[in-house]
Amino acid sequence: MKPKLILGLLLVVASIAFGVTAFRNSLTPYISFAEARRTGASSQVNGTLADPASVRYDVDKSELAFTLKDDHGAVMPVVYKGVKPANFEQATSVVAIGTYKDGRFAADQLLVKCPSKYQAEGATPAASGPARTTAPATSGSATGGM
């Protein structure tokens, strides 16, 4: 084989290996509160606000403090440094991305899911597919034609 071809193939393989490694390192997995406490590595935790009334936002420090509750009833204090997301207290779910340290989860990012403004509270979603209505049967033509 020609040396240029070998060098080109090596560069392609090295680029692919670097890309895969960088992609794997950038992934932040969802883990349980217990795992987040144990590992201390960058991760994502998901839950609901344990007590919306206890949410505290310090405007001077731009620091949001709240407690998340997971599906198993475990709670974890979370501190986020940044602007408080709009409608935070109405969130149906919160994803915090960061690390656990000093007895709390230090979030670098927050993802907040709020109820849809297009769906009434407590309403169930409509069935998929076209809307169906039942119209009374009429006899004759609607245009009154022949």
N, C-alpha and C. Protein backbone atom coordinates (compact mmCIF):
# COMPACT_ATOMS: atom_id res chain seq x y z
N MET A 1 0.83 -1.18 0.00
CA MET A 1 0.00 0.00 0.00
C MET A 1 0.88 1.24 0.00
N LYS A 2 0.29 2.30 -0.47
CA LYS A 2 1.01 3.56 -0.51
C LYS A 2 1.01 4.20 0.88
N PRO A 3 2.11 4.87 1.24
CA PRO A 3 2.19 5.51 2.56
C PRO A 3 1.11 6.57 2.79
N LYS A 4 0.71 7.30 1.74
CA LYS A 4 -0.33 8.32 1.90
C LYS A 4 -1.68 7.69 2.26
N LEU A 5 -1.97 6.55 1.66
CA LEU A 5 -3.22 5.84 1.94
C LEU A 5 -3.23 5.33 3.38
N ILE A 6 -2.11 4.76 3.82
CA ILE A 6 -2.01 4.26 5.19
C ILE A 6 -2.16 5.41 6.18
N LEU A 7 -1.49 6.50 5.93
CA LEU A 7 -1.59 7.67 6.81
C LEU A 7 -3.02 8.20 6.84
N GLY A 8 -3.67 8.25 5.70
CA GLY A 8 -5.06 8.70 5.63
C GLY A 8 -5.99 7.81 6.43
N LEU A 9 -5.83 6.49 6.30
CA LEU A 9 -6.65 5.54 7.05
C LEU A 9 -6.42 5.67 8.55
N LEU A 10 -5.16 5.86 8.95
CA LEU A 10 -4.86 6.04 10.37
C LEU A 10 -5.52 7.31 10.92
N LEU A 11 -5.50 8.37 10.14
CA LEU A 11 -6.14 9.62 10.57
C LEU A 11 -7.66 9.45 10.71
N VAL A 12 -8.27 8.73 9.78
CA VAL A 12 -9.71 8.49 9.85
C VAL A 12 -10.05 7.65 11.08
N VAL A 13 -9.29 6.58 11.33
CA VAL A 13 -9.54 5.73 12.49
C VAL A 13 -9.33 6.52 13.79
N ALA A 14 -8.28 7.32 13.85
CA ALA A 14 -8.02 8.13 15.05
C ALA A 14 -9.13 9.15 15.27
N SER A 15 -9.63 9.76 14.20
CA SER A 15 -10.72 10.73 14.32
C SER A 15 -12.00 10.07 14.83
N ILE A 16 -12.30 8.91 14.31
CA ILE A 16 -13.50 8.18 14.76
C ILE A 16 -13.36 7.80 16.23
N ALA A 17 -12.20 7.28 16.63
CA ALA A 17 -11.98 6.90 18.02
C ALA A 17 -12.11 8.11 18.94
N PHE A 18 -11.54 9.25 18.53
CA PHE A 18 -11.65 10.46 19.34
C PHE A 18 -13.10 10.91 19.45
N GLY A 19 -13.84 10.87 18.36
CA GLY A 19 -15.24 11.28 18.36
C GLY A 19 -16.09 10.41 19.27
N VAL A 20 -15.90 9.10 19.20
CA VAL A 20 -16.67 8.18 20.05
C VAL A 20 -16.33 8.41 21.52
N THR A 21 -15.05 8.58 21.84
CA THR A 21 -14.64 8.82 23.23
C THR A 21 -15.21 10.14 23.75
N ALA A 22 -15.14 11.19 22.96
CA ALA A 22 -15.67 12.49 23.37
C ALA A 22 -17.19 12.41 23.56
N PHE A 23 -17.88 11.70 22.69
CA PHE A 23 -19.33 11.56 22.80
C PHE A 23 -19.69 10.81 24.08
N ARG A 24 -19.00 9.72 24.37
CA ARG A 24 -19.27 8.95 25.60
C ARG A 24 -19.03 9.79 26.84
N ASN A 25 -17.97 10.58 26.84
CA ASN A 25 -17.66 11.41 28.00
C ASN A 25 -18.67 12.54 28.19
N SER A 26 -19.31 12.97 27.11
CA SER A 26 -20.27 14.06 27.22
C SER A 26 -21.65 13.59 27.66
N LEU A 27 -21.92 12.30 27.59
CA LEU A 27 -23.20 11.78 28.02
C LEU A 27 -23.31 11.86 29.53
N THR A 28 -24.45 12.33 30.00
CA THR A 28 -24.68 12.41 31.43
C THR A 28 -25.87 11.50 31.73
N PRO A 29 -25.65 10.38 32.39
CA PRO A 29 -26.74 9.41 32.58
C PRO A 29 -27.73 9.85 33.67
N TYR A 30 -28.98 9.37 33.55
CA TYR A 30 -29.95 9.51 34.63
C TYR A 30 -29.60 8.47 35.67
N ILE A 31 -29.50 8.90 36.92
CA ILE A 31 -29.24 7.95 37.99
C ILE A 31 -30.13 8.27 39.18
N SER A 32 -30.22 7.32 40.09
CA SER A 32 -31.05 7.52 41.28
C SER A 32 -30.37 8.50 42.24
N PHE A 33 -31.13 8.99 43.20
CA PHE A 33 -30.57 9.90 44.19
C PHE A 33 -29.44 9.22 44.97
N ALA A 34 -29.64 7.94 45.32
CA ALA A 34 -28.61 7.21 46.07
C ALA A 34 -27.32 7.08 45.26
N GLU A 35 -27.44 6.79 43.97
CA GLU A 35 -26.24 6.69 43.12
C GLU A 35 -25.54 8.04 43.00
N ALA A 36 -26.31 9.11 42.89
CA ALA A 36 -25.72 10.45 42.79
C ALA A 36 -24.93 10.78 44.05
N ARG A 37 -25.47 10.42 45.20
CA ARG A 37 -24.76 10.65 46.47
C ARG A 37 -23.48 9.82 46.53
N ARG A 38 -23.56 8.59 46.05
CA ARG A 38 -22.43 7.67 46.15
C ARG A 38 -21.30 8.01 45.18
N THR A 39 -21.64 8.35 43.94
CA THR A 39 -20.59 8.54 42.93
C THR A 39 -19.96 9.92 42.96
N GLY A 40 -20.77 10.95 43.13
CA GLY A 40 -20.24 12.31 43.09
C GLY A 40 -19.83 12.75 41.68
N ALA A 41 -20.13 11.93 40.67
CA ALA A 41 -19.79 12.26 39.29
C ALA A 41 -20.92 13.07 38.66
N SER A 42 -20.63 13.71 37.54
CA SER A 42 -21.64 14.47 36.83
C SER A 42 -22.76 13.53 36.39
N SER A 43 -24.00 13.91 36.70
CA SER A 43 -25.13 13.06 36.39
C SER A 43 -26.41 13.87 36.31
N GLN A 44 -27.49 13.18 35.96
CA GLN A 44 -28.82 13.78 35.89
C GLN A 44 -29.72 13.07 36.89
N VAL A 45 -30.45 13.84 37.68
CA VAL A 45 -31.45 13.26 38.56
C VAL A 45 -32.80 13.87 38.19
N ASN A 46 -33.84 13.09 38.34
CA ASN A 46 -35.17 13.49 37.92
C ASN A 46 -36.12 13.34 39.09
N GLY A 47 -37.02 14.30 39.25
CA GLY A 47 -38.01 14.21 40.31
C GLY A 47 -39.02 15.33 40.22
N THR A 48 -39.85 15.42 41.25
CA THR A 48 -40.83 16.49 41.36
C THR A 48 -40.46 17.34 42.56
N LEU A 49 -41.00 18.53 42.62
CA LEU A 49 -40.73 19.40 43.77
C LEU A 49 -41.38 18.77 44.99
N ALA A 50 -40.57 18.54 46.03
CA ALA A 50 -41.08 17.93 47.25
C ALA A 50 -42.07 18.86 47.94
N ASP A 51 -41.75 20.14 47.99
CA ASP A 51 -42.62 21.13 48.62
C ASP A 51 -42.46 22.45 47.88
N PRO A 52 -43.35 22.76 46.94
CA PRO A 52 -43.22 24.00 46.17
C PRO A 52 -43.17 25.26 47.05
N ALA A 53 -43.76 25.21 48.23
CA ALA A 53 -43.75 26.37 49.12
C ALA A 53 -42.38 26.63 49.73
N SER A 54 -41.51 25.61 49.73
CA SER A 54 -40.19 25.77 50.34
C SER A 54 -39.11 26.19 49.34
N VAL A 55 -39.48 26.45 48.10
CA VAL A 55 -38.51 26.89 47.09
C VAL A 55 -38.01 28.27 47.48
N ARG A 56 -36.68 28.44 47.52
CA ARG A 56 -36.08 29.72 47.89
C ARG A 56 -35.17 30.19 46.76
N TYR A 57 -35.35 31.45 46.37
CA TYR A 57 -34.48 32.04 45.34
C TYR A 57 -33.85 33.30 45.90
N ASP A 58 -32.51 33.32 45.94
CA ASP A 58 -31.76 34.48 46.40
C ASP A 58 -31.35 35.28 45.17
N VAL A 59 -32.00 36.43 44.98
CA VAL A 59 -31.75 37.25 43.80
C VAL A 59 -30.32 37.77 43.78
N ASP A 60 -29.79 38.17 44.95
CA ASP A 60 -28.44 38.72 45.00
C ASP A 60 -27.39 37.71 44.58
N LYS A 61 -27.55 36.45 44.97
CA LYS A 61 -26.59 35.39 44.63
C LYS A 61 -26.97 34.65 43.35
N SER A 62 -28.18 34.91 42.85
CA SER A 62 -28.74 34.12 41.73
C SER A 62 -28.67 32.64 42.07
N GLU A 63 -29.23 32.29 43.22
CA GLU A 63 -29.16 30.91 43.71
C GLU A 63 -30.57 30.41 44.03
N LEU A 64 -30.93 29.29 43.45
CA LEU A 64 -32.22 28.66 43.65
C LEU A 64 -32.02 27.40 44.48
N ALA A 65 -32.72 27.31 45.60
CA ALA A 65 -32.63 26.13 46.48
C ALA A 65 -34.01 25.49 46.59
N PHE A 66 -34.05 24.18 46.41
CA PHE A 66 -35.31 23.43 46.48
C PHE A 66 -35.01 21.98 46.80
N THR A 67 -36.05 21.20 47.00
CA THR A 67 -35.89 19.77 47.29
C THR A 67 -36.65 18.97 46.25
N LEU A 68 -35.97 17.98 45.67
CA LEU A 68 -36.60 17.07 44.71
C LEU A 68 -37.02 15.79 45.41
N LYS A 69 -38.10 15.20 44.91
CA LYS A 69 -38.58 13.91 45.42
C LYS A 69 -38.69 12.97 44.23
N ASP A 70 -38.11 11.77 44.35
CA ASP A 70 -38.17 10.82 43.23
C ASP A 70 -39.39 9.92 43.33
N ASP A 71 -39.51 8.97 42.42
CA ASP A 71 -40.65 8.06 42.36
C ASP A 71 -40.74 7.14 43.58
N HIS A 72 -39.62 6.95 44.28
CA HIS A 72 -39.58 6.05 45.43
C HIS A 72 -39.78 6.79 46.74
N GLY A 73 -39.99 8.10 46.67
CA GLY A 73 -40.21 8.90 47.87
C GLY A 73 -38.94 9.47 48.49
N ALA A 74 -37.78 9.18 47.91
CA ALA A 74 -36.52 9.73 48.42
C ALA A 74 -36.45 11.21 48.07
N VAL A 75 -35.84 11.99 48.95
CA VAL A 75 -35.71 13.42 48.70
C VAL A 75 -34.24 13.81 48.65
N MET A 76 -33.96 14.89 47.90
CA MET A 76 -32.59 15.38 47.77
C MET A 76 -32.62 16.90 47.65
N PRO A 77 -31.85 17.59 48.51
CA PRO A 77 -31.76 19.04 48.36
C PRO A 77 -30.93 19.38 47.13
N VAL A 78 -31.39 20.41 46.39
CA VAL A 78 -30.73 20.84 45.16
C VAL A 78 -30.47 22.33 45.24
N VAL A 79 -29.29 22.74 44.78
CA VAL A 79 -28.96 24.16 44.68
C VAL A 79 -28.52 24.42 43.25
N TYR A 80 -29.12 25.45 42.65
CA TYR A 80 -28.82 25.82 41.28
C TYR A 80 -28.40 27.28 41.26
N LYS A 81 -27.25 27.55 40.68
CA LYS A 81 -26.79 28.93 40.54
C LYS A 81 -27.11 29.39 39.12
N GLY A 82 -28.03 30.34 39.04
CA GLY A 82 -28.46 30.86 37.75
C GLY A 82 -29.83 31.47 37.88
N VAL A 83 -30.37 31.89 36.77
CA VAL A 83 -31.68 32.52 36.75
C VAL A 83 -32.75 31.46 37.00
N LYS A 84 -33.69 31.79 37.86
CA LYS A 84 -34.79 30.88 38.17
C LYS A 84 -35.68 30.70 36.94
N PRO A 85 -35.94 29.46 36.52
CA PRO A 85 -36.81 29.23 35.36
C PRO A 85 -38.22 29.78 35.62
N ALA A 86 -38.85 30.28 34.58
CA ALA A 86 -40.22 30.77 34.68
C ALA A 86 -41.15 29.63 35.07
N ASN A 87 -42.16 29.93 35.84
CA ASN A 87 -43.17 28.95 36.28
C ASN A 87 -42.55 27.75 36.99
N PHE A 88 -41.45 27.97 37.69
CA PHE A 88 -40.76 26.86 38.34
C PHE A 88 -41.65 26.14 39.35
N GLU A 89 -42.43 26.89 40.12
CA GLU A 89 -43.28 26.28 41.14
C GLU A 89 -44.39 25.41 40.57
N GLN A 90 -44.76 25.64 39.30
CA GLN A 90 -45.81 24.83 38.67
C GLN A 90 -45.24 23.60 37.94
N ALA A 91 -43.96 23.37 38.05
CA ALA A 91 -43.31 22.26 37.33
C ALA A 91 -43.91 20.92 37.72
N THR A 92 -44.16 20.09 36.71
CA THR A 92 -44.62 18.73 36.98
C THR A 92 -43.44 17.77 37.11
N SER A 93 -42.28 18.18 36.60
CA SER A 93 -41.08 17.36 36.68
C SER A 93 -39.86 18.28 36.51
N VAL A 94 -38.79 17.96 37.25
CA VAL A 94 -37.56 18.73 37.16
C VAL A 94 -36.39 17.77 36.97
N VAL A 95 -35.54 18.05 35.99
CA VAL A 95 -34.31 17.31 35.78
C VAL A 95 -33.17 18.24 36.16
N ALA A 96 -32.35 17.81 37.11
CA ALA A 96 -31.18 18.59 37.53
C ALA A 96 -29.94 17.87 37.01
N ILE A 97 -29.05 18.63 36.37
CA ILE A 97 -27.81 18.08 35.83
C ILE A 97 -26.67 18.72 36.60
N GLY A 98 -25.84 17.90 37.23
CA GLY A 98 -24.73 18.41 38.02
C GLY A 98 -24.07 17.31 38.82
N THR A 99 -23.57 17.67 40.01
CA THR A 99 -22.87 16.70 40.86
C THR A 99 -23.34 16.84 42.31
N TYR A 100 -23.25 15.75 43.04
CA TYR A 100 -23.59 15.76 44.46
C TYR A 100 -22.34 16.05 45.26
N LYS A 101 -22.40 17.10 46.08
CA LYS A 101 -21.27 17.42 46.95
C LYS A 101 -21.76 18.25 48.13
N ASP A 102 -21.09 18.11 49.24
CA ASP A 102 -21.39 18.86 50.45
C ASP A 102 -22.85 18.70 50.91
N GLY A 103 -23.39 17.50 50.78
CA GLY A 103 -24.72 17.21 51.28
C GLY A 103 -25.87 17.70 50.42
N ARG A 104 -25.58 18.13 49.22
CA ARG A 104 -26.64 18.58 48.31
C ARG A 104 -26.21 18.40 46.87
N PHE A 105 -27.19 18.42 45.98
CA PHE A 105 -26.91 18.27 44.56
C PHE A 105 -26.70 19.65 43.98
N ALA A 106 -25.50 19.92 43.48
CA ALA A 106 -25.16 21.21 42.88
C ALA A 106 -25.46 21.12 41.39
N ALA A 107 -26.56 21.73 40.98
CA ALA A 107 -27.02 21.66 39.59
C ALA A 107 -26.36 22.73 38.74
N ASP A 108 -25.85 22.33 37.60
CA ASP A 108 -25.31 23.26 36.60
C ASP A 108 -26.40 23.67 35.62
N GLN A 109 -27.38 22.77 35.41
CA GLN A 109 -28.48 23.00 34.49
C GLN A 109 -29.76 22.45 35.09
N LEU A 110 -30.88 23.08 34.74
CA LEU A 110 -32.20 22.58 35.12
C LEU A 110 -33.06 22.46 33.88
N LEU A 111 -33.78 21.37 33.79
CA LEU A 111 -34.77 21.19 32.73
C LEU A 111 -36.12 21.06 33.44
N VAL A 112 -37.04 21.95 33.13
CA VAL A 112 -38.31 22.02 33.84
C VAL A 112 -39.44 21.68 32.89
N LYS A 113 -40.29 20.74 33.30
CA LYS A 113 -41.46 20.39 32.51
C LYS A 113 -42.68 20.94 33.24
N CYS A 114 -43.40 21.80 32.56
CA CYS A 114 -44.60 22.41 33.13
C CYS A 114 -45.83 21.84 32.45
N PRO A 115 -47.00 21.96 33.09
CA PRO A 115 -48.22 21.48 32.45
C PRO A 115 -48.47 22.24 31.15
N SER A 116 -49.05 21.57 30.21
CA SER A 116 -49.33 22.19 28.92
C SER A 116 -50.39 23.27 29.09
N LYS A 117 -50.17 24.40 28.46
CA LYS A 117 -51.17 25.47 28.52
C LYS A 117 -52.35 25.15 27.63
N TYR A 118 -52.24 24.12 26.82
CA TYR A 118 -53.32 23.75 25.91
C TYR A 118 -54.21 22.66 26.47
N GLN A 119 -53.89 22.16 27.64
CA GLN A 119 -54.66 21.08 28.22
C GLN A 119 -55.20 21.54 29.56
N ALA A 120 -56.47 21.37 29.77
CA ALA A 120 -57.07 21.76 31.05
C ALA A 120 -56.52 20.88 32.15
N GLU A 121 -56.38 21.46 33.34
CA GLU A 121 -55.82 20.71 34.46
C GLU A 121 -56.73 19.55 34.80
N GLY A 122 -56.15 18.38 34.94
CA GLY A 122 -56.91 17.19 35.27
C GLY A 122 -57.55 16.51 34.08
N ALA A 123 -57.48 17.12 32.91
CA ALA A 123 -58.09 16.53 31.72
C ALA A 123 -57.19 15.45 31.16
N THR A 124 -57.79 14.47 30.54
CA THR A 124 -57.00 13.42 29.91
C THR A 124 -56.76 13.81 28.46
N PRO A 125 -55.61 13.41 27.90
CA PRO A 125 -55.33 13.76 26.51
C PRO A 125 -56.34 13.14 25.57
N ALA A 126 -56.63 13.83 24.48
CA ALA A 126 -57.56 13.33 23.48
C ALA A 126 -56.95 12.15 22.74
N ALA A 127 -57.80 11.29 22.25
CA ALA A 127 -57.32 10.15 21.47
C ALA A 127 -56.65 10.65 20.20
N SER A 128 -55.66 9.90 19.75
CA SER A 128 -54.97 10.31 18.53
C SER A 128 -55.85 10.04 17.33
N GLY A 129 -55.57 10.75 16.27
CA GLY A 129 -56.34 10.59 15.06
C GLY A 129 -57.28 11.76 14.86
N PRO A 130 -57.99 11.78 13.76
CA PRO A 130 -58.88 12.90 13.48
C PRO A 130 -60.04 12.94 14.46
N ALA A 131 -60.53 14.14 14.70
CA ALA A 131 -61.68 14.30 15.59
C ALA A 131 -62.91 13.73 14.90
N ARG A 132 -63.76 13.12 15.69
CA ARG A 132 -64.97 12.52 15.13
C ARG A 132 -66.17 13.14 15.82
N THR A 133 -67.11 13.52 15.04
CA THR A 133 -68.34 14.08 15.59
C THR A 133 -69.50 13.28 15.04
N THR A 134 -70.58 13.30 15.78
CA THR A 134 -71.78 12.62 15.31
C THR A 134 -72.78 13.70 14.95
N ALA A 135 -73.12 13.77 13.67
CA ALA A 135 -74.08 14.77 13.21
C ALA A 135 -75.40 14.06 12.97
N PRO A 136 -76.51 14.77 13.22
CA PRO A 136 -77.83 14.13 12.97
C PRO A 136 -77.99 13.83 11.48
N ALA A 137 -78.59 12.73 11.24
CA ALA A 137 -78.84 12.33 9.84
C ALA A 137 -79.87 13.26 9.25
N THR A 138 -79.66 13.67 8.03
CA THR A 138 -80.65 14.52 7.34
C THR A 138 -81.09 13.84 6.08
N SER A 139 -82.30 14.07 5.75
CA SER A 139 -82.78 13.51 4.49
C SER A 139 -82.76 14.58 3.44
N GLY A 140 -82.46 14.18 2.24
CA GLY A 140 -82.44 15.14 1.15
C GLY A 140 -81.08 15.78 1.02
N SER A 141 -80.98 16.63 0.06
CA SER A 141 -79.73 17.28 -0.24
C SER A 141 -79.57 18.54 0.57
N ALA A 142 -78.36 18.84 0.98
CA ALA A 142 -78.10 20.04 1.76
C ALA A 142 -78.21 21.28 0.89
N THR A 143 -78.05 21.13 -0.40
CA THR A 143 -78.11 22.29 -1.29
C THR A 143 -79.53 22.51 -1.84
N GLY A 144 -80.39 21.55 -1.57
CA GLY A 144 -81.76 21.70 -2.05
C GLY A 144 -81.85 21.54 -3.56
N GLY A 145 -80.89 20.88 -4.13
CA GLY A 145 -80.82 20.74 -5.57
C GLY A 145 -81.71 19.66 -6.07
N MET A 146 -81.43 19.19 -7.23
CA MET A 146 -82.25 18.25 -7.96
C MET A 146 -82.18 16.90 -7.44
